[in-house]
Amino acid sequence: MSSVSEIPAASASAAIEHFERRLALETDCSDVAQALGAGEQDFVLLHVVGTPEAYRRRHVPCALHLPHREITAERLSEWPEDTLFVAYCAGPHCNGADRAALKLARFGRHVKIMIGGITGWEDEGLPFATGAEPGSFRRAA
């Protein structure tokens, strides 16, 4: 028996429950890029870490810079209560997106994390925006 099969796999129903729950909390760079590229942005994309200077140097297109420490009820009042927020941070070595997601959820907001963050976006070969504005998404040629 291999170390893979040593512990039996979960039942199909347990797997469905687990992966549905996980996908309710996470999205990935590819899915975000697909939505942006198709003009189907039905969420607010948040760049939740770093300084304004770091954001100006490089961020995911269409993302607003709202560091997790600056998420407040007053700031969130800019969006309807049913808005879906997608938070990302520097990458797998960073917990800024988790901090932002927890804060958003505590304010009663819908939230997902874009797993991989900036590192994942770069690994996928996706284009970045620069400057102080969110910019728009254009696939690299």
Protein backbone atom coordinates (compact mmCIF):
# COMPACT_ATOMS: atom_id res chain seq x y z
CA MET A 1 0.00 0.00 0.00
CA SER A 2 1.41 3.42 -0.97
CA SER A 3 1.49 6.43 1.30
CA VAL A 4 -1.09 7.91 -1.07
CA SER A 5 -3.68 5.19 -0.46
CA GLU A 6 -2.69 4.38 3.12
CA ILE A 7 -5.40 6.74 4.37
CA PRO A 8 -8.61 5.99 2.49
CA ALA A 9 -10.05 8.69 0.24
CA ALA A 10 -13.12 10.52 1.41
CA SER A 11 -16.52 9.54 0.10
CA ALA A 12 -17.74 11.32 -3.01
CA SER A 13 -20.29 13.26 -0.94
CA ALA A 14 -17.60 14.39 1.52
CA ALA A 15 -15.37 15.43 -1.39
CA ILE A 16 -18.21 17.40 -2.98
CA GLU A 17 -18.90 19.21 0.29
CA HIS A 18 -15.20 19.96 0.83
CA PHE A 19 -14.48 21.28 -2.66
CA GLU A 20 -17.70 23.28 -2.90
CA ARG A 21 -16.82 24.92 0.42
CA ARG A 22 -13.26 25.59 -0.74
CA LEU A 23 -14.38 27.08 -4.07
CA ALA A 24 -16.87 29.27 -2.20
CA LEU A 25 -13.88 30.87 -0.45
CA GLU A 26 -11.26 30.87 -3.22
CA THR A 27 -10.81 31.70 -6.85
CA ASP A 28 -7.62 31.64 -8.89
CA CYS A 29 -5.68 33.93 -11.16
CA SER A 30 -6.87 32.20 -14.32
CA ASP A 31 -10.55 32.58 -13.39
CA VAL A 32 -10.07 36.24 -12.48
CA ALA A 33 -8.21 36.88 -15.76
CA GLN A 34 -10.94 35.10 -17.73
CA ALA A 35 -13.64 37.22 -16.09
CA LEU A 36 -11.72 40.45 -16.67
CA GLY A 37 -10.91 39.54 -20.27
CA ALA A 38 -14.55 38.69 -21.02
CA GLY A 39 -15.80 41.90 -19.44
CA GLU A 40 -17.57 39.87 -16.75
CA GLN A 41 -16.19 41.58 -13.66
CA ASP A 42 -19.02 41.05 -11.20
CA PHE A 43 -16.74 41.54 -8.21
CA VAL A 44 -14.46 44.17 -6.71
CA LEU A 45 -10.84 43.13 -6.96
CA LEU A 46 -8.74 44.34 -4.03
CA HIS A 47 -4.95 44.64 -3.82
CA VAL A 48 -4.76 44.45 -0.02
CA VAL A 49 -1.06 44.80 0.81
CA GLY A 50 1.86 47.06 0.18
CA THR A 51 2.46 50.73 -0.09
CA PRO A 52 0.95 53.05 -2.68
CA GLU A 53 4.36 53.08 -4.36
CA ALA A 54 4.41 49.28 -4.65
CA TYR A 55 0.87 49.36 -6.08
CA ARG A 56 1.92 51.97 -8.65
CA ARG A 57 4.85 49.77 -9.72
CA ARG A 58 2.73 46.67 -10.33
CA HIS A 59 -0.77 45.41 -9.60
CA VAL A 60 -3.38 43.15 -11.16
CA PRO A 61 -5.38 45.16 -13.70
CA CYS A 62 -8.73 46.47 -12.43
CA ALA A 63 -7.64 46.06 -8.78
CA LEU A 64 -8.23 48.80 -6.25
CA HIS A 65 -5.54 49.40 -3.66
CA LEU A 66 -7.20 48.95 -0.28
CA PRO A 67 -4.72 47.61 2.28
CA HIS A 68 -6.37 45.30 4.80
CA ARG A 69 -5.54 47.73 7.60
CA GLU A 70 -7.65 50.39 5.85
CA ILE A 71 -10.79 48.30 5.40
CA THR A 72 -13.48 50.04 7.44
CA ALA A 73 -17.26 50.07 7.53
CA GLU A 74 -17.14 53.63 6.21
CA ARG A 75 -14.97 52.64 3.24
CA LEU A 76 -17.15 49.59 2.49
CA SER A 77 -20.26 51.79 2.41
CA GLU A 78 -19.13 52.75 -1.12
CA TRP A 79 -20.42 49.37 -2.37
CA PRO A 80 -23.80 47.63 -2.09
CA GLU A 81 -24.12 45.05 0.69
CA ASP A 82 -24.25 42.15 -1.78
CA THR A 83 -20.94 43.07 -3.49
CA LEU A 84 -18.49 40.22 -3.90
CA PHE A 85 -14.93 41.20 -3.00
CA VAL A 86 -11.92 39.27 -4.26
CA ALA A 87 -8.78 39.98 -2.27
CA TYR A 88 -5.21 39.16 -3.22
CA CYS A 89 -1.81 39.80 -1.72
CA ALA A 90 1.82 39.19 -2.66
CA GLY A 91 1.52 35.42 -2.94
CA PRO A 92 1.54 32.17 -1.01
CA HIS A 93 4.07 33.57 1.47
CA CYS A 94 1.71 36.42 2.45
CA ASN A 95 -1.39 36.36 4.67
CA GLY A 96 -2.67 39.82 3.75
CA ALA A 97 -5.51 38.40 1.65
CA ASP A 98 -6.57 36.19 4.56
CA ARG A 99 -6.53 39.18 6.89
CA ALA A 100 -8.59 41.23 4.43
CA ALA A 101 -11.04 38.39 3.84
CA LEU A 102 -11.56 37.92 7.56
CA LYS A 103 -12.14 41.63 8.03
CA LEU A 104 -14.58 41.79 5.10
CA ALA A 105 -16.47 38.77 6.42
CA ARG A 106 -16.66 40.35 9.89
CA PHE A 107 -18.31 43.34 8.20
CA GLY A 108 -20.85 40.90 6.75
CA ARG A 109 -19.43 41.09 3.21
CA HIS A 110 -19.09 38.36 0.60
CA VAL A 111 -15.45 37.59 -0.08
CA LYS A 112 -13.12 35.23 -1.87
CA ILE A 113 -9.35 35.10 -1.99
CA MET A 114 -7.50 34.98 -5.29
CA ILE A 115 -5.05 32.20 -4.48
CA GLY A 116 -1.52 32.75 -5.71
CA GLY A 117 -1.74 36.54 -5.49
CA ILE A 118 0.82 38.56 -7.44
CA THR A 119 3.18 35.58 -7.58
CA GLY A 120 0.49 33.37 -9.12
CA TRP A 121 -0.53 36.11 -11.57
CA GLU A 122 3.07 36.43 -12.72
CA ASP A 123 3.51 32.63 -12.89
CA GLU A 124 0.51 32.48 -15.25
CA GLY A 125 2.20 35.04 -17.53
CA LEU A 126 -0.65 37.50 -17.06
CA PRO A 127 -0.14 41.23 -17.61
CA PHE A 128 0.19 43.76 -14.83
CA ALA A 129 -1.05 47.34 -14.64
CA THR A 130 1.05 50.22 -13.39
CA GLY A 131 0.22 53.61 -11.99
CA ALA A 132 -2.06 54.89 -9.29
CA GLU A 133 -5.29 53.84 -11.09
CA PRO A 134 -6.69 50.31 -11.39
CA GLY A 135 -6.15 50.19 -15.15
CA SER A 136 -7.84 47.77 -17.51
CA PHE A 137 -7.14 44.19 -18.45
CA ARG A 138 -5.48 43.40 -21.76
CA ARG A 139 -3.93 40.03 -22.44
CA ALA A 140 -0.28 40.21 -23.42
CA ALA A 141 0.29 39.65 -27.15
